[in-house]
Amino acid sequence: MGSHGAQSATIAGMAPRLGVLVLPGGTDFSYKPFSPLQGSAMRMYPFTWSLQARFRGAVDVEQVRYRVYGWNGGQASPMWHARAALETMTRRNPGMPVAVIGHSMGGRVAAQLGADRRVLGILGLAPWWQFADWREIHGGARVLAVHGSADRTTFAHRTAKGVDELRERGVDATYVEVPGGGHAMLDHLGTWQGSAIGFIDGLLRDLR
């Protein structure tokens, strides 16, 4: 397991109050080695960097690097690396809650990490929730799912269904549609980026 843009600078004398794992996308089946320079990783660096810059020592931000590019069926290849990143982050900051931000396949990873009670918040950006992965999320988490209406890779209506089901369970879950938004998040940049900043800001306010 590796990371890029790993920890935010900690202000002297102040430990971070929230960990943030940023989870890139991938694909259904592929054993191609994951590269920090591939498109799915590159599109998440602005999220990682903007969170580090905005919240500085209040957050410990890490962008996860998987071993291979694909989910690969029952192997769930990225989950080992994501869980290892969660363990490392919580060992580094004992007792600190963690938020997870995942795009596409990373949204599936985020939902499954959401079974862990140390995960306080889950932000899915055009998440790959075709397999009802939202059902993994524990009831005490806060969930935000943002999906473009023009996405033809993953499907906004399934994400909306997942949020509806979470809300029926009593989970604090919100769905935001990006009108005309595509899968790669290259449009409506303020909406995509703003959703992450606003989500983390809200969690930090609650922790105060």
N, C-alpha and C. Protein backbone atom coordinates (compact mmCIF):
# COMPACT_ATOMS: atom_id res chain seq x y z
N MET A 1 0.85 -1.18 0.00
CA MET A 1 0.00 0.00 0.00
C MET A 1 0.88 1.23 0.00
N GLY A 2 0.50 2.21 -0.82
CA GLY A 2 1.25 3.45 -0.85
C GLY A 2 0.27 4.61 -0.84
N SER A 3 0.82 5.80 -0.87
CA SER A 3 -0.01 6.99 -0.90
C SER A 3 0.70 8.07 -1.65
N HIS A 4 -0.08 9.06 -2.08
CA HIS A 4 0.49 10.23 -2.71
C HIS A 4 -0.14 11.44 -2.06
N GLY A 5 0.63 12.48 -1.84
CA GLY A 5 0.10 13.64 -1.15
C GLY A 5 -0.34 13.26 0.24
N ALA A 6 0.48 12.52 0.95
CA ALA A 6 0.05 11.83 2.13
C ALA A 6 -0.45 12.75 3.23
N GLN A 7 0.32 12.99 4.26
CA GLN A 7 -0.23 13.66 5.42
C GLN A 7 -0.16 15.17 5.26
N SER A 8 -1.18 15.82 5.79
CA SER A 8 -1.15 17.27 5.85
C SER A 8 -0.21 17.69 6.96
N ALA A 9 0.33 18.89 6.85
CA ALA A 9 1.19 19.41 7.89
C ALA A 9 0.37 19.64 9.15
N THR A 10 0.92 19.22 10.27
CA THR A 10 0.23 19.39 11.54
C THR A 10 0.76 20.63 12.23
N ILE A 11 -0.14 21.51 12.61
CA ILE A 11 0.25 22.70 13.33
C ILE A 11 0.84 22.30 14.67
N ALA A 12 1.95 22.92 15.03
CA ALA A 12 2.66 22.57 16.25
C ALA A 12 1.72 22.57 17.44
N GLY A 13 1.76 21.46 18.19
CA GLY A 13 0.95 21.36 19.40
C GLY A 13 -0.49 20.99 19.16
N MET A 14 -0.90 20.76 17.92
CA MET A 14 -2.30 20.43 17.65
C MET A 14 -2.38 19.19 16.78
N ALA A 15 -2.96 18.12 17.31
CA ALA A 15 -3.15 16.91 16.54
C ALA A 15 -4.35 17.09 15.62
N PRO A 16 -4.35 16.42 14.46
CA PRO A 16 -5.52 16.52 13.58
C PRO A 16 -6.77 15.95 14.25
N ARG A 17 -7.90 16.53 13.93
CA ARG A 17 -9.18 16.10 14.51
C ARG A 17 -9.91 15.11 13.63
N LEU A 18 -9.51 15.02 12.36
CA LEU A 18 -10.21 14.16 11.41
C LEU A 18 -9.22 13.62 10.39
N GLY A 19 -9.28 12.33 10.14
CA GLY A 19 -8.53 11.75 9.05
C GLY A 19 -9.39 11.71 7.80
N VAL A 20 -8.75 11.85 6.64
CA VAL A 20 -9.47 11.80 5.37
C VAL A 20 -8.71 10.89 4.43
N LEU A 21 -9.36 9.83 3.97
CA LEU A 21 -8.81 8.96 2.94
C LEU A 21 -9.47 9.29 1.61
N VAL A 22 -8.66 9.62 0.62
CA VAL A 22 -9.15 9.92 -0.72
C VAL A 22 -8.92 8.68 -1.59
N LEU A 23 -9.98 8.19 -2.21
CA LEU A 23 -9.98 6.88 -2.85
C LEU A 23 -10.26 7.03 -4.34
N PRO A 24 -9.23 6.85 -5.19
CA PRO A 24 -9.43 6.98 -6.63
C PRO A 24 -10.29 5.85 -7.20
N GLY A 25 -10.72 6.07 -8.44
CA GLY A 25 -11.47 5.05 -9.16
C GLY A 25 -10.56 4.02 -9.79
N GLY A 26 -11.18 3.15 -10.57
CA GLY A 26 -10.46 2.08 -11.26
C GLY A 26 -11.36 1.50 -12.33
N THR A 27 -11.42 0.19 -12.39
CA THR A 27 -12.27 -0.45 -13.38
C THR A 27 -12.74 -1.79 -12.83
N ASP A 28 -13.64 -2.43 -13.56
CA ASP A 28 -14.27 -3.66 -13.10
C ASP A 28 -13.23 -4.79 -12.96
N PHE A 29 -12.59 -5.16 -14.07
CA PHE A 29 -11.60 -6.23 -14.05
C PHE A 29 -10.31 -5.74 -14.69
N SER A 30 -9.23 -5.75 -13.94
CA SER A 30 -7.90 -5.43 -14.48
C SER A 30 -6.84 -5.72 -13.43
N TYR A 31 -5.77 -6.38 -13.87
CA TYR A 31 -4.61 -6.59 -13.01
C TYR A 31 -3.45 -5.70 -13.42
N LYS A 32 -3.75 -4.70 -14.23
CA LYS A 32 -2.75 -3.71 -14.58
C LYS A 32 -2.29 -2.99 -13.31
N PRO A 33 -0.98 -2.85 -13.11
CA PRO A 33 -0.51 -2.17 -11.90
C PRO A 33 -1.06 -0.75 -11.81
N PHE A 34 -1.47 -0.39 -10.62
CA PHE A 34 -2.00 0.96 -10.39
C PHE A 34 -0.85 1.96 -10.46
N SER A 35 -1.06 3.03 -11.19
CA SER A 35 -0.03 4.06 -11.34
C SER A 35 -0.52 5.37 -10.76
N PRO A 36 0.34 6.09 -10.03
CA PRO A 36 -0.06 7.40 -9.51
C PRO A 36 -0.25 8.44 -10.60
N LEU A 37 0.13 8.09 -11.85
CA LEU A 37 0.00 9.03 -12.96
C LEU A 37 -1.18 8.70 -13.87
N GLN A 38 -1.95 7.66 -13.55
CA GLN A 38 -3.10 7.34 -14.39
C GLN A 38 -4.24 8.31 -14.10
N GLY A 39 -5.17 8.39 -15.05
CA GLY A 39 -6.22 9.39 -14.97
C GLY A 39 -7.03 9.33 -13.69
N SER A 40 -7.36 8.13 -13.21
CA SER A 40 -8.21 8.02 -12.03
C SER A 40 -7.52 8.58 -10.79
N ALA A 41 -6.21 8.43 -10.73
CA ALA A 41 -5.46 9.02 -9.61
C ALA A 41 -5.32 10.52 -9.79
N MET A 42 -5.00 10.94 -11.02
CA MET A 42 -4.76 12.36 -11.27
C MET A 42 -5.99 13.20 -10.96
N ARG A 43 -7.19 12.68 -11.25
CA ARG A 43 -8.37 13.51 -11.04
C ARG A 43 -8.70 13.69 -9.56
N MET A 44 -8.07 12.88 -8.69
CA MET A 44 -8.34 13.04 -7.27
C MET A 44 -7.31 13.92 -6.55
N TYR A 45 -6.16 14.19 -7.17
CA TYR A 45 -5.18 15.04 -6.51
C TYR A 45 -5.72 16.42 -6.16
N PRO A 46 -6.51 17.06 -7.04
CA PRO A 46 -7.05 18.37 -6.63
C PRO A 46 -7.91 18.31 -5.37
N PHE A 47 -8.62 17.20 -5.17
CA PHE A 47 -9.39 17.04 -3.94
C PHE A 47 -8.45 16.92 -2.74
N THR A 48 -7.43 16.08 -2.88
CA THR A 48 -6.46 15.90 -1.80
C THR A 48 -5.78 17.21 -1.45
N TRP A 49 -5.28 17.91 -2.47
CA TRP A 49 -4.53 19.13 -2.23
C TRP A 49 -5.41 20.24 -1.68
N SER A 50 -6.64 20.36 -2.19
CA SER A 50 -7.51 21.44 -1.70
C SER A 50 -7.90 21.22 -0.25
N LEU A 51 -8.11 19.97 0.15
CA LEU A 51 -8.43 19.68 1.55
C LEU A 51 -7.24 19.98 2.45
N GLN A 52 -6.04 19.61 2.00
CA GLN A 52 -4.84 19.92 2.78
C GLN A 52 -4.68 21.43 2.95
N ALA A 53 -4.89 22.16 1.87
CA ALA A 53 -4.69 23.61 1.91
C ALA A 53 -5.76 24.29 2.75
N ARG A 54 -6.99 23.83 2.65
CA ARG A 54 -8.11 24.50 3.33
C ARG A 54 -8.10 24.25 4.83
N PHE A 55 -7.80 23.01 5.23
CA PHE A 55 -7.97 22.65 6.64
C PHE A 55 -6.66 22.43 7.38
N ARG A 56 -5.56 22.41 6.67
CA ARG A 56 -4.22 22.35 7.24
C ARG A 56 -4.14 21.33 8.38
N GLY A 57 -3.69 21.74 9.55
CA GLY A 57 -3.44 20.79 10.64
C GLY A 57 -4.67 20.17 11.23
N ALA A 58 -5.87 20.62 10.86
CA ALA A 58 -7.10 20.03 11.41
C ALA A 58 -7.39 18.66 10.82
N VAL A 59 -6.81 18.36 9.67
CA VAL A 59 -7.06 17.07 9.01
C VAL A 59 -5.74 16.39 8.66
N ASP A 60 -5.80 15.08 8.62
CA ASP A 60 -4.70 14.24 8.15
C ASP A 60 -5.21 13.61 6.86
N VAL A 61 -4.72 14.04 5.72
CA VAL A 61 -5.26 13.63 4.41
C VAL A 61 -4.29 12.68 3.73
N GLU A 62 -4.80 11.59 3.21
CA GLU A 62 -3.99 10.63 2.46
C GLU A 62 -4.76 10.16 1.23
N GLN A 63 -4.13 10.20 0.09
CA GLN A 63 -4.72 9.61 -1.13
C GLN A 63 -4.17 8.21 -1.29
N VAL A 64 -5.05 7.24 -1.32
CA VAL A 64 -4.66 5.83 -1.32
C VAL A 64 -4.23 5.40 -2.71
N ARG A 65 -3.20 4.58 -2.76
CA ARG A 65 -2.72 3.99 -4.00
C ARG A 65 -2.91 2.48 -3.91
N TYR A 66 -3.69 1.91 -4.81
CA TYR A 66 -3.92 0.47 -4.81
C TYR A 66 -2.75 -0.25 -5.50
N ARG A 67 -2.78 -1.58 -5.46
CA ARG A 67 -1.74 -2.34 -6.16
C ARG A 67 -2.09 -2.53 -7.63
N VAL A 68 -3.37 -2.84 -7.90
CA VAL A 68 -3.81 -3.02 -9.28
C VAL A 68 -5.01 -2.12 -9.54
N TYR A 69 -5.34 -1.99 -10.82
CA TYR A 69 -6.32 -1.01 -11.27
C TYR A 69 -7.75 -1.49 -11.13
N GLY A 70 -7.98 -2.82 -11.06
CA GLY A 70 -9.34 -3.36 -11.10
C GLY A 70 -9.87 -3.80 -9.75
N TRP A 71 -11.22 -3.92 -9.70
CA TRP A 71 -11.90 -4.48 -8.53
C TRP A 71 -11.73 -5.99 -8.51
N ASN A 72 -11.95 -6.62 -9.66
CA ASN A 72 -11.68 -8.05 -9.86
C ASN A 72 -12.58 -8.96 -9.03
N GLY A 73 -13.88 -8.75 -9.21
CA GLY A 73 -14.87 -9.66 -8.65
C GLY A 73 -14.74 -9.84 -7.15
N GLY A 74 -14.86 -11.10 -6.72
CA GLY A 74 -14.80 -11.40 -5.30
C GLY A 74 -13.47 -11.10 -4.65
N GLN A 75 -12.43 -10.87 -5.46
CA GLN A 75 -11.14 -10.52 -4.86
C GLN A 75 -11.17 -9.13 -4.23
N ALA A 76 -12.05 -8.26 -4.74
CA ALA A 76 -12.15 -6.89 -4.20
C ALA A 76 -10.75 -6.32 -3.99
N SER A 77 -9.97 -6.32 -5.06
CA SER A 77 -8.53 -6.03 -4.96
C SER A 77 -8.18 -4.76 -4.20
N PRO A 78 -8.90 -3.63 -4.38
CA PRO A 78 -8.47 -2.41 -3.69
C PRO A 78 -8.75 -2.40 -2.19
N MET A 79 -9.60 -3.32 -1.70
CA MET A 79 -10.02 -3.23 -0.32
C MET A 79 -8.88 -3.48 0.66
N TRP A 80 -7.97 -4.39 0.32
CA TRP A 80 -6.86 -4.66 1.24
C TRP A 80 -6.04 -3.40 1.47
N HIS A 81 -5.77 -2.68 0.39
CA HIS A 81 -4.94 -1.48 0.49
C HIS A 81 -5.68 -0.36 1.20
N ALA A 82 -6.98 -0.25 0.94
CA ALA A 82 -7.78 0.79 1.60
C ALA A 82 -7.89 0.51 3.10
N ARG A 83 -8.11 -0.74 3.46
CA ARG A 83 -8.20 -1.08 4.89
C ARG A 83 -6.86 -0.88 5.59
N ALA A 84 -5.77 -1.22 4.89
CA ALA A 84 -4.45 -0.99 5.46
C ALA A 84 -4.20 0.50 5.69
N ALA A 85 -4.65 1.34 4.75
CA ALA A 85 -4.51 2.79 4.91
C ALA A 85 -5.30 3.28 6.11
N LEU A 86 -6.51 2.74 6.29
CA LEU A 86 -7.33 3.12 7.45
C LEU A 86 -6.65 2.72 8.75
N GLU A 87 -6.08 1.52 8.79
CA GLU A 87 -5.39 1.07 10.00
C GLU A 87 -4.19 1.95 10.30
N THR A 88 -3.42 2.27 9.27
CA THR A 88 -2.23 3.11 9.46
C THR A 88 -2.62 4.49 9.97
N MET A 89 -3.65 5.06 9.39
CA MET A 89 -4.07 6.40 9.79
C MET A 89 -4.56 6.43 11.23
N THR A 90 -5.32 5.42 11.63
CA THR A 90 -5.87 5.42 12.99
C THR A 90 -4.80 5.05 14.02
N ARG A 91 -3.79 4.29 13.64
CA ARG A 91 -2.66 4.05 14.55
C ARG A 91 -1.86 5.33 14.75
N ARG A 92 -1.73 6.10 13.69
CA ARG A 92 -0.97 7.35 13.76
C ARG A 92 -1.68 8.36 14.65
N ASN A 93 -3.00 8.31 14.67
CA ASN A 93 -3.81 9.27 15.43
C ASN A 93 -4.88 8.50 16.21
N PRO A 94 -4.51 7.87 17.33
CA PRO A 94 -5.46 7.02 18.05
C PRO A 94 -6.72 7.78 18.45
N GLY A 95 -7.86 7.14 18.19
CA GLY A 95 -9.14 7.71 18.55
C GLY A 95 -9.70 8.72 17.57
N MET A 96 -8.93 9.06 16.55
CA MET A 96 -9.39 10.05 15.57
C MET A 96 -10.36 9.42 14.59
N PRO A 97 -11.54 10.04 14.36
CA PRO A 97 -12.45 9.51 13.35
C PRO A 97 -11.92 9.81 11.95
N VAL A 98 -12.46 9.10 10.98
CA VAL A 98 -11.99 9.18 9.60
C VAL A 98 -13.17 9.40 8.67
N ALA A 99 -12.95 10.22 7.65
CA ALA A 99 -13.90 10.38 6.55
C ALA A 99 -13.27 9.77 5.30
N VAL A 100 -14.10 9.22 4.42
CA VAL A 100 -13.61 8.62 3.19
C VAL A 100 -14.30 9.30 2.01
N ILE A 101 -13.51 9.63 0.99
CA ILE A 101 -14.01 10.30 -0.20
C ILE A 101 -13.60 9.45 -1.40
N GLY A 102 -14.57 8.89 -2.11
CA GLY A 102 -14.25 8.00 -3.21
C GLY A 102 -14.97 8.35 -4.49
N HIS A 103 -14.24 8.28 -5.60
CA HIS A 103 -14.82 8.50 -6.92
C HIS A 103 -14.97 7.17 -7.64
N SER A 104 -16.12 6.93 -8.24
CA SER A 104 -16.36 5.75 -9.08
C SER A 104 -16.08 4.47 -8.28
N MET A 105 -15.11 3.65 -8.71
CA MET A 105 -14.77 2.46 -7.93
C MET A 105 -14.36 2.84 -6.52
N GLY A 106 -13.71 4.01 -6.37
CA GLY A 106 -13.37 4.48 -5.03
C GLY A 106 -14.59 4.73 -4.17
N GLY A 107 -15.73 5.06 -4.79
CA GLY A 107 -16.97 5.19 -4.05
C GLY A 107 -17.46 3.86 -3.52
N ARG A 108 -17.20 2.80 -4.27
CA ARG A 108 -17.53 1.45 -3.79
C ARG A 108 -16.63 1.08 -2.61
N VAL A 109 -15.33 1.40 -2.75
CA VAL A 109 -14.40 1.17 -1.65
C VAL A 109 -14.85 1.94 -0.41
N ALA A 110 -15.24 3.20 -0.62
CA ALA A 110 -15.66 4.04 0.50
C ALA A 110 -16.87 3.45 1.23
N ALA A 111 -17.84 2.97 0.46
CA ALA A 111 -19.04 2.39 1.08
C ALA A 111 -18.69 1.17 1.92
N GLN A 112 -17.79 0.33 1.41
CA GLN A 112 -17.43 -0.86 2.17
C GLN A 112 -16.60 -0.52 3.40
N LEU A 113 -15.74 0.49 3.28
CA LEU A 113 -15.04 0.97 4.48
C LEU A 113 -16.03 1.52 5.50
N GLY A 114 -17.18 1.98 5.02
CA GLY A 114 -18.19 2.55 5.89
C GLY A 114 -18.83 1.55 6.83
N ALA A 115 -18.49 0.28 6.73
CA ALA A 115 -18.93 -0.70 7.72
C ALA A 115 -18.15 -0.54 9.03
N ASP A 116 -17.00 0.12 8.96
CA ASP A 116 -16.12 0.30 10.11
C ASP A 116 -16.60 1.51 10.92
N ARG A 117 -16.80 1.34 12.20
CA ARG A 117 -17.34 2.41 13.05
C ARG A 117 -16.38 3.58 13.21
N ARG A 118 -15.12 3.39 12.86
CA ARG A 118 -14.18 4.51 12.91
C ARG A 118 -14.43 5.50 11.77
N VAL A 119 -15.17 5.07 10.77
CA VAL A 119 -15.48 5.93 9.63
C VAL A 119 -16.71 6.76 9.96
N LEU A 120 -16.50 8.05 10.08
CA LEU A 120 -17.55 8.97 10.50
C LEU A 120 -18.37 9.47 9.31
N GLY A 121 -17.72 9.61 8.14
CA GLY A 121 -18.41 10.15 6.99
C GLY A 121 -17.96 9.51 5.70
N ILE A 122 -18.90 9.38 4.76
CA ILE A 122 -18.64 8.79 3.45
C ILE A 122 -19.14 9.75 2.39
N LEU A 123 -18.24 10.18 1.52
CA LEU A 123 -18.62 11.00 0.36
C LEU A 123 -18.37 10.19 -0.90
N GLY A 124 -19.44 9.90 -1.63
CA GLY A 124 -19.32 9.19 -2.89
C GLY A 124 -19.48 10.16 -4.05
N LEU A 125 -18.48 10.23 -4.91
CA LEU A 125 -18.50 11.07 -6.09
C LEU A 125 -18.72 10.17 -7.31
N ALA A 126 -19.88 10.26 -7.93
CA ALA A 126 -20.25 9.35 -9.02
C ALA A 126 -19.92 7.91 -8.64
N PRO A 127 -20.41 7.45 -7.48
CA PRO A 127 -19.94 6.16 -6.96
C PRO A 127 -20.45 4.97 -7.77
N TRP A 128 -19.64 3.93 -7.81
CA TRP A 128 -20.00 2.67 -8.43
C TRP A 128 -20.73 1.83 -7.39
N TRP A 129 -22.02 2.09 -7.26
CA TRP A 129 -22.85 1.42 -6.26
C TRP A 129 -23.84 0.48 -6.93
N GLN A 130 -23.45 -0.13 -8.03
CA GLN A 130 -24.37 -1.02 -8.75
C GLN A 130 -24.70 -2.29 -7.97
N PHE A 131 -23.96 -2.58 -6.95
CA PHE A 131 -24.15 -3.83 -6.21
C PHE A 131 -24.65 -3.56 -4.79
N ALA A 132 -25.40 -2.47 -4.63
CA ALA A 132 -26.00 -2.13 -3.33
C ALA A 132 -24.94 -2.04 -2.23
N ASP A 133 -23.78 -1.53 -2.60
CA ASP A 133 -22.70 -1.41 -1.62
C ASP A 133 -23.05 -0.48 -0.48
N TRP A 134 -24.01 0.41 -0.69
CA TRP A 134 -24.42 1.31 0.40
C TRP A 134 -24.92 0.55 1.61
N ARG A 135 -25.34 -0.70 1.42
CA ARG A 135 -25.86 -1.48 2.55
C ARG A 135 -24.77 -1.85 3.55
N GLU A 136 -23.51 -1.66 3.17
CA GLU A 136 -22.41 -1.91 4.08
C GLU A 136 -22.25 -0.80 5.12
N ILE A 137 -22.78 0.38 4.85
CA ILE A 137 -22.50 1.56 5.68
C ILE A 137 -23.23 1.46 7.02
N HIS A 138 -22.49 1.71 8.10
CA HIS A 138 -23.10 1.61 9.43
C HIS A 138 -24.04 2.79 9.68
N GLY A 139 -24.94 2.61 10.61
CA GLY A 139 -26.04 3.55 10.80
C GLY A 139 -25.64 4.89 11.39
N GLY A 140 -24.46 4.97 12.00
CA GLY A 140 -24.05 6.22 12.62
C GLY A 140 -23.26 7.14 11.73
N ALA A 141 -23.03 6.75 10.49
CA ALA A 141 -22.22 7.56 9.58
C ALA A 141 -23.06 8.66 8.93
N ARG A 142 -22.36 9.69 8.45
CA ARG A 142 -22.98 10.70 7.59
C ARG A 142 -22.57 10.40 6.16
N VAL A 143 -23.53 10.45 5.25
CA VAL A 143 -23.28 10.08 3.86
C VAL A 143 -23.72 11.21 2.94
N LEU A 144 -22.86 11.54 1.99
CA LEU A 144 -23.21 12.44 0.90
C LEU A 144 -22.82 11.77 -0.40
N ALA A 145 -23.75 11.71 -1.33
CA ALA A 145 -23.48 11.14 -2.66
C ALA A 145 -23.79 12.19 -3.70
N VAL A 146 -22.83 12.44 -4.59
CA VAL A 146 -22.95 13.46 -5.63
C VAL A 146 -22.79 12.75 -6.97
N HIS A 147 -23.74 12.96 -7.88
CA HIS A 147 -23.71 12.22 -9.15
C HIS A 147 -24.21 13.10 -10.28
N GLY A 148 -23.52 13.07 -11.40
CA GLY A 148 -23.92 13.83 -12.57
C GLY A 148 -25.04 13.14 -13.33
N SER A 149 -26.00 13.92 -13.80
CA SER A 149 -27.14 13.34 -14.51
C SER A 149 -26.76 12.78 -15.87
N ALA A 150 -25.62 13.22 -16.43
CA ALA A 150 -25.19 12.74 -17.75
C ALA A 150 -24.16 11.62 -17.66
N ASP A 151 -23.95 11.07 -16.48
CA ASP A 151 -22.98 9.99 -16.30
C ASP A 151 -23.50 8.72 -16.96
N ARG A 152 -22.69 8.14 -17.85
CA ARG A 152 -23.07 6.88 -18.52
C ARG A 152 -22.13 5.74 -18.13
N THR A 153 -21.27 5.98 -17.15
CA THR A 153 -20.36 4.94 -16.67
C THR A 153 -20.91 4.32 -15.39
N THR A 154 -21.26 5.14 -14.44
CA THR A 154 -22.04 4.71 -13.28
C THR A 154 -23.35 5.49 -13.33
N PHE A 155 -24.32 5.08 -12.54
CA PHE A 155 -25.68 5.55 -12.80
C PHE A 155 -26.27 6.31 -11.62
N ALA A 156 -26.68 7.55 -11.92
CA ALA A 156 -27.20 8.44 -10.89
C ALA A 156 -28.44 7.86 -10.21
N HIS A 157 -29.30 7.19 -10.98
CA HIS A 157 -30.54 6.70 -10.37
C HIS A 157 -30.26 5.63 -9.33
N ARG A 158 -29.20 4.85 -9.52
CA ARG A 158 -28.85 3.84 -8.52
C ARG A 158 -28.28 4.50 -7.26
N THR A 159 -27.49 5.53 -7.47
CA THR A 159 -26.97 6.26 -6.32
C THR A 159 -28.11 6.88 -5.52
N ALA A 160 -29.07 7.49 -6.21
CA ALA A 160 -30.22 8.07 -5.54
C ALA A 160 -31.02 7.01 -4.78
N LYS A 161 -31.15 5.84 -5.40
CA LYS A 161 -31.84 4.73 -4.73
C LYS A 161 -31.12 4.34 -3.45
N GLY A 162 -29.79 4.28 -3.53
CA GLY A 162 -29.00 3.93 -2.35
C GLY A 162 -29.20 4.92 -1.22
N VAL A 163 -29.20 6.21 -1.55
CA VAL A 163 -29.40 7.23 -0.53
C VAL A 163 -30.80 7.13 0.07
N ASP A 164 -31.80 6.88 -0.77
CA ASP A 164 -33.16 6.70 -0.26
C ASP A 164 -33.21 5.55 0.73
N GLU A 165 -32.55 4.45 0.40
CA GLU A 165 -32.56 3.29 1.29
C GLU A 165 -31.84 3.59 2.60
N LEU A 166 -30.72 4.30 2.50
CA LEU A 166 -30.00 4.69 3.72
C LEU A 166 -30.88 5.56 4.61
N ARG A 167 -31.59 6.49 4.02
CA ARG A 167 -32.44 7.38 4.81
C ARG A 167 -33.59 6.61 5.46
N GLU A 168 -34.10 5.61 4.76
CA GLU A 168 -35.14 4.77 5.34
C GLU A 168 -34.63 4.02 6.57
N ARG A 169 -33.33 3.73 6.58
CA ARG A 169 -32.70 3.07 7.74
C ARG A 169 -32.40 4.06 8.85
N GLY A 170 -32.60 5.34 8.60
CA GLY A 170 -32.31 6.35 9.61
C GLY A 170 -30.92 6.94 9.52
N VAL A 171 -30.20 6.63 8.44
CA VAL A 171 -28.86 7.18 8.25
C VAL A 171 -28.97 8.63 7.78
N ASP A 172 -28.05 9.47 8.23
CA ASP A 172 -27.97 10.86 7.77
C ASP A 172 -27.35 10.85 6.38
N ALA A 173 -28.18 10.80 5.36
CA ALA A 173 -27.71 10.63 3.98
C ALA A 173 -28.36 11.66 3.07
N THR A 174 -27.56 12.21 2.17
CA THR A 174 -28.01 13.25 1.25
C THR A 174 -27.55 12.91 -0.16
N TYR A 175 -28.42 13.16 -1.12
CA TYR A 175 -28.08 12.97 -2.53
C TYR A 175 -28.10 14.32 -3.24
N VAL A 176 -27.06 14.60 -4.01
CA VAL A 176 -26.97 15.83 -4.79
C VAL A 176 -26.75 15.44 -6.25
N GLU A 177 -27.65 15.88 -7.13
CA GLU A 177 -27.47 15.66 -8.56
C GLU A 177 -26.77 16.85 -9.18
N VAL A 178 -25.81 16.57 -10.07
CA VAL A 178 -25.13 17.61 -10.83
C VAL A 178 -25.75 17.62 -12.22
N PRO A 179 -26.60 18.57 -12.55
CA PRO A 179 -27.27 18.57 -13.86
C PRO A 179 -26.25 18.62 -15.00
N GLY A 180 -26.32 17.63 -15.88
CA GLY A 180 -25.41 17.57 -17.01
C GLY A 180 -24.02 17.11 -16.68
N GLY A 181 -23.77 16.76 -15.44
CA GLY A 181 -22.44 16.34 -15.02
C GLY A 181 -22.06 14.98 -15.56
N GLY A 182 -20.81 14.83 -16.00
CA GLY A 182 -20.30 13.56 -16.51
C GLY A 182 -19.53 12.79 -15.45
N HIS A 183 -19.06 11.62 -15.84
CA HIS A 183 -18.42 10.74 -14.88
C HIS A 183 -17.05 11.23 -14.42
N ALA A 184 -16.31 11.86 -15.32
CA ALA A 184 -14.93 12.22 -15.02
C ALA A 184 -14.79 13.47 -14.17
N MET A 185 -15.90 14.15 -13.85
CA MET A 185 -15.90 15.34 -13.01
C MET A 185 -15.07 16.47 -13.61
N LEU A 186 -15.04 16.55 -14.94
CA LEU A 186 -14.30 17.62 -15.61
C LEU A 186 -15.17 18.83 -15.88
N ASP A 187 -16.42 18.75 -15.46
CA ASP A 187 -17.37 19.85 -15.60
C ASP A 187 -17.80 20.29 -14.20
N HIS A 188 -18.46 21.42 -14.09
CA HIS A 188 -19.00 21.86 -12.80
C HIS A 188 -17.98 21.69 -11.67
N LEU A 189 -16.77 22.15 -11.94
CA LEU A 189 -15.67 21.89 -11.01
C LEU A 189 -15.96 22.44 -9.62
N GLY A 190 -16.59 23.59 -9.56
CA GLY A 190 -16.90 24.17 -8.26
C GLY A 190 -17.84 23.30 -7.45
N THR A 191 -18.78 22.63 -8.14
CA THR A 191 -19.72 21.76 -7.43
C THR A 191 -19.02 20.53 -6.89
N TRP A 192 -18.23 19.87 -7.73
CA TRP A 192 -17.53 18.66 -7.29
C TRP A 192 -16.56 18.98 -6.14
N GLN A 193 -15.69 19.97 -6.37
CA GLN A 193 -14.71 20.32 -5.35
C GLN A 193 -15.39 20.88 -4.10
N GLY A 194 -16.40 21.71 -4.31
CA GLY A 194 -17.10 22.30 -3.18
C GLY A 194 -17.80 21.28 -2.32
N SER A 195 -18.27 20.19 -2.93
CA SER A 195 -18.95 19.16 -2.15
C SER A 195 -17.98 18.53 -1.15
N ALA A 196 -16.75 18.31 -1.56
CA ALA A 196 -15.76 17.70 -0.66
C ALA A 196 -15.39 18.66 0.47
N ILE A 197 -15.12 19.92 0.10
CA ILE A 197 -14.74 20.89 1.12
C ILE A 197 -15.89 21.11 2.11
N GLY A 198 -17.11 21.24 1.60
CA GLY A 198 -18.25 21.44 2.47
C GLY A 198 -18.52 20.25 3.37
N PHE A 199 -18.33 19.06 2.83
CA PHE A 199 -18.57 17.84 3.61
C PHE A 199 -17.58 17.75 4.77
N ILE A 200 -16.31 17.95 4.49
CA ILE A 200 -15.30 17.87 5.54
C ILE A 200 -15.47 19.01 6.54
N ASP A 201 -15.82 20.19 6.07
CA ASP A 201 -16.06 21.30 6.97
C ASP A 201 -17.20 20.98 7.93
N GLY A 202 -18.26 20.38 7.42
CA GLY A 202 -19.39 20.01 8.27
C GLY A 202 -19.01 19.00 9.33
N LEU A 203 -18.22 18.00 8.96
CA LEU A 203 -17.78 17.00 9.93
C LEU A 203 -16.91 17.64 11.00
N LEU A 204 -16.01 18.52 10.61
CA LEU A 204 -15.15 19.20 11.58
C LEU A 204 -15.97 20.06 12.54
N ARG A 205 -16.99 20.73 12.02
CA ARG A 205 -17.84 21.53 12.89
C ARG A 205 -18.54 20.66 13.93
N ASP A 206 -19.00 19.49 13.49
CA ASP A 206 -19.64 18.58 14.43
C ASP A 206 -18.66 18.09 15.50
N LEU A 207 -17.41 17.88 15.10
CA LEU A 207 -16.41 17.39 16.06
C LEU A 207 -16.04 18.45 17.09
N ARG A 208 -16.24 19.72 16.77
CA ARG A 208 -15.98 20.77 17.75
C ARG A 208 -16.97 20.72 18.90
